[in-house]
Amino acid sequence: MTEPAGDRVGGAVDRKSTKRGRRTLDELVAIVRPAGKPEAVRVFAHDEMDQAQQYADEYGAAVEMLAE
C-alpha cells in the first residue's frame, strides 16, 4: 500500500454508498473487478446491469456473472 493509513485503525475504511440502496446477497448477480484496484470492486443487481457495463468500461474490466 502506498497511501498512509492516517487516522484509520488498521487501514479500515467505511465505504457506505449514499447513491445506491442496500441489497441482499441474493439480489446481486454481477461483479466488476478492475485489475490492480481491489478497492474499486463493485457488485450489481439485475436491474443495474447497464450501470455495471458502464463501470466495467470505465476501468477496462469485464462484467462477471455471479453463480446462483
N, C-alpha and C. Protein backbone atom coordinates (compact mmCIF):
# COMPACT_ATOMS: atom_id res chain seq x y z
N MET A 1 0.83 -1.17 0.00
CA MET A 1 0.00 0.00 0.00
C MET A 1 0.88 1.23 0.00
N THR A 2 0.56 2.16 -0.84
CA THR A 2 1.36 3.36 -0.93
C THR A 2 0.73 4.55 -0.22
N GLU A 3 -0.54 4.44 0.17
CA GLU A 3 -1.21 5.53 0.84
C GLU A 3 -1.08 5.37 2.36
N PRO A 4 -0.82 6.46 3.05
CA PRO A 4 -0.74 6.36 4.51
C PRO A 4 -2.12 6.06 5.10
N ALA A 5 -2.12 5.31 6.18
CA ALA A 5 -3.38 4.94 6.82
C ALA A 5 -4.01 6.11 7.56
N GLY A 6 -3.22 7.12 7.93
CA GLY A 6 -3.76 8.28 8.64
C GLY A 6 -4.41 7.87 9.94
N ASP A 7 -5.61 8.36 10.17
CA ASP A 7 -6.32 8.07 11.42
C ASP A 7 -7.10 6.76 11.35
N ARG A 8 -7.07 6.08 10.24
CA ARG A 8 -7.83 4.84 10.10
C ARG A 8 -7.17 3.74 10.90
N VAL A 9 -7.91 3.07 11.71
CA VAL A 9 -7.40 1.98 12.52
C VAL A 9 -7.25 0.75 11.64
N GLY A 10 -6.05 0.23 11.54
CA GLY A 10 -5.81 -0.97 10.74
C GLY A 10 -6.09 -0.78 9.26
N GLY A 11 -6.14 0.46 8.80
CA GLY A 11 -6.38 0.73 7.39
C GLY A 11 -7.83 0.52 6.96
N ALA A 12 -8.74 0.33 7.91
CA ALA A 12 -10.15 0.09 7.58
C ALA A 12 -10.80 1.37 7.07
N VAL A 13 -11.66 1.21 6.10
CA VAL A 13 -12.36 2.35 5.51
C VAL A 13 -13.86 2.07 5.51
N ASP A 14 -14.64 3.05 5.88
CA ASP A 14 -16.10 2.93 5.83
C ASP A 14 -16.53 3.33 4.43
N ARG A 15 -17.02 2.36 3.64
CA ARG A 15 -17.34 2.61 2.24
C ARG A 15 -18.84 2.57 1.97
N LYS A 16 -19.65 3.11 2.85
CA LYS A 16 -21.08 3.13 2.64
C LYS A 16 -21.41 4.09 1.49
N SER A 17 -22.23 3.64 0.60
CA SER A 17 -22.61 4.45 -0.55
C SER A 17 -23.91 5.20 -0.26
N THR A 18 -23.93 6.47 -0.58
CA THR A 18 -25.14 7.24 -0.41
C THR A 18 -25.98 7.24 -1.68
N LYS A 19 -25.41 6.84 -2.79
CA LYS A 19 -26.09 6.88 -4.08
C LYS A 19 -26.89 5.61 -4.37
N ARG A 20 -26.51 4.50 -3.80
CA ARG A 20 -27.13 3.22 -4.11
C ARG A 20 -27.79 2.66 -2.85
N GLY A 21 -28.92 2.02 -3.05
CA GLY A 21 -29.61 1.40 -1.93
C GLY A 21 -28.94 0.10 -1.52
N ARG A 22 -29.26 -0.35 -0.36
CA ARG A 22 -28.73 -1.63 0.13
C ARG A 22 -29.44 -2.77 -0.59
N ARG A 23 -28.73 -3.85 -0.83
CA ARG A 23 -29.27 -5.05 -1.48
C ARG A 23 -28.96 -6.26 -0.61
N THR A 24 -29.79 -7.28 -0.74
CA THR A 24 -29.49 -8.54 -0.07
C THR A 24 -28.57 -9.34 -1.00
N LEU A 25 -27.85 -10.29 -0.45
CA LEU A 25 -26.92 -11.07 -1.25
C LEU A 25 -27.59 -11.78 -2.42
N ASP A 26 -28.81 -12.26 -2.22
CA ASP A 26 -29.47 -13.00 -3.30
C ASP A 26 -29.92 -12.08 -4.44
N GLU A 27 -29.87 -10.77 -4.27
CA GLU A 27 -30.20 -9.83 -5.34
C GLU A 27 -29.00 -9.52 -6.23
N LEU A 28 -27.79 -9.82 -5.76
CA LEU A 28 -26.58 -9.48 -6.50
C LEU A 28 -26.29 -10.54 -7.56
N VAL A 29 -26.13 -10.09 -8.80
CA VAL A 29 -25.96 -11.04 -9.90
C VAL A 29 -24.66 -10.85 -10.69
N ALA A 30 -23.97 -9.73 -10.48
CA ALA A 30 -22.77 -9.47 -11.28
C ALA A 30 -21.72 -8.74 -10.44
N ILE A 31 -20.46 -8.91 -10.85
CA ILE A 31 -19.34 -8.25 -10.17
C ILE A 31 -18.40 -7.68 -11.23
N VAL A 32 -17.83 -6.52 -10.92
CA VAL A 32 -16.81 -5.91 -11.77
C VAL A 32 -15.56 -5.78 -10.91
N ARG A 33 -14.45 -6.36 -11.37
CA ARG A 33 -13.19 -6.37 -10.61
C ARG A 33 -12.10 -5.69 -11.43
N PRO A 34 -11.93 -4.38 -11.30
CA PRO A 34 -10.87 -3.70 -12.05
C PRO A 34 -9.50 -4.24 -11.66
N ALA A 35 -8.69 -4.57 -12.64
CA ALA A 35 -7.36 -5.14 -12.39
C ALA A 35 -6.50 -4.17 -11.59
N GLY A 36 -5.89 -4.70 -10.53
CA GLY A 36 -4.97 -3.91 -9.71
C GLY A 36 -5.65 -2.89 -8.82
N LYS A 37 -6.96 -2.92 -8.72
CA LYS A 37 -7.69 -1.95 -7.90
C LYS A 37 -8.73 -2.65 -7.03
N PRO A 38 -8.30 -3.38 -6.02
CA PRO A 38 -9.26 -4.11 -5.19
C PRO A 38 -10.27 -3.19 -4.50
N GLU A 39 -9.89 -1.95 -4.27
CA GLU A 39 -10.82 -1.01 -3.63
C GLU A 39 -11.95 -0.59 -4.58
N ALA A 40 -11.82 -0.88 -5.87
CA ALA A 40 -12.82 -0.47 -6.86
C ALA A 40 -13.79 -1.60 -7.23
N VAL A 41 -13.66 -2.76 -6.60
CA VAL A 41 -14.57 -3.88 -6.89
C VAL A 41 -15.99 -3.49 -6.48
N ARG A 42 -16.94 -3.74 -7.39
CA ARG A 42 -18.35 -3.45 -7.10
C ARG A 42 -19.22 -4.59 -7.57
N VAL A 43 -20.32 -4.80 -6.88
CA VAL A 43 -21.31 -5.80 -7.28
C VAL A 43 -22.59 -5.10 -7.67
N PHE A 44 -23.39 -5.77 -8.52
CA PHE A 44 -24.57 -5.15 -9.09
C PHE A 44 -25.75 -6.12 -9.08
N ALA A 45 -26.95 -5.55 -8.95
CA ALA A 45 -28.18 -6.32 -9.03
C ALA A 45 -28.63 -6.39 -10.50
N HIS A 46 -29.61 -7.24 -10.77
CA HIS A 46 -30.10 -7.44 -12.13
C HIS A 46 -30.53 -6.12 -12.79
N ASP A 47 -31.20 -5.27 -12.04
CA ASP A 47 -31.68 -4.01 -12.62
C ASP A 47 -30.59 -2.95 -12.77
N GLU A 48 -29.35 -3.29 -12.42
CA GLU A 48 -28.21 -2.37 -12.54
C GLU A 48 -27.20 -2.82 -13.60
N MET A 49 -27.61 -3.71 -14.47
CA MET A 49 -26.66 -4.27 -15.45
C MET A 49 -26.11 -3.20 -16.40
N ASP A 50 -26.90 -2.21 -16.76
CA ASP A 50 -26.39 -1.12 -17.60
C ASP A 50 -25.29 -0.36 -16.87
N GLN A 51 -25.52 -0.10 -15.58
CA GLN A 51 -24.52 0.58 -14.77
C GLN A 51 -23.27 -0.27 -14.62
N ALA A 52 -23.45 -1.58 -14.48
CA ALA A 52 -22.32 -2.48 -14.35
C ALA A 52 -21.44 -2.41 -15.60
N GLN A 53 -22.07 -2.41 -16.77
CA GLN A 53 -21.30 -2.35 -18.02
C GLN A 53 -20.58 -1.01 -18.15
N GLN A 54 -21.23 0.08 -17.79
CA GLN A 54 -20.58 1.39 -17.83
C GLN A 54 -19.38 1.43 -16.88
N TYR A 55 -19.55 0.89 -15.69
CA TYR A 55 -18.48 0.85 -14.71
C TYR A 55 -17.31 0.01 -15.23
N ALA A 56 -17.62 -1.14 -15.80
CA ALA A 56 -16.58 -2.00 -16.35
C ALA A 56 -15.84 -1.29 -17.48
N ASP A 57 -16.56 -0.60 -18.34
CA ASP A 57 -15.94 0.13 -19.45
C ASP A 57 -15.00 1.22 -18.94
N GLU A 58 -15.39 1.90 -17.86
CA GLU A 58 -14.54 2.95 -17.27
C GLU A 58 -13.18 2.41 -16.86
N TYR A 59 -13.16 1.18 -16.35
CA TYR A 59 -11.93 0.59 -15.82
C TYR A 59 -11.27 -0.41 -16.77
N GLY A 60 -11.85 -0.61 -17.95
CA GLY A 60 -11.29 -1.60 -18.86
C GLY A 60 -11.43 -3.00 -18.31
N ALA A 61 -12.50 -3.23 -17.57
CA ALA A 61 -12.74 -4.54 -16.93
C ALA A 61 -13.93 -5.22 -17.60
N ALA A 62 -14.29 -6.38 -17.08
CA ALA A 62 -15.42 -7.14 -17.60
C ALA A 62 -16.48 -7.31 -16.51
N VAL A 63 -17.72 -7.43 -16.94
CA VAL A 63 -18.81 -7.74 -16.03
C VAL A 63 -18.84 -9.26 -15.91
N GLU A 64 -18.68 -9.78 -14.71
CA GLU A 64 -18.72 -11.22 -14.48
C GLU A 64 -20.03 -11.55 -13.78
N MET A 65 -20.71 -12.57 -14.27
CA MET A 65 -21.94 -13.01 -13.63
C MET A 65 -21.59 -13.88 -12.43
N LEU A 66 -22.31 -13.68 -11.33
CA LEU A 66 -22.11 -14.49 -10.13
C LEU A 66 -22.90 -15.78 -10.23
N ALA A 67 -22.38 -16.83 -9.64
CA ALA A 67 -23.07 -18.12 -9.66
C ALA A 67 -24.33 -18.03 -8.81
N GLU A 68 -25.34 -18.75 -9.21
CA GLU A 68 -26.59 -18.75 -8.45
C GLU A 68 -26.55 -19.79 -7.37
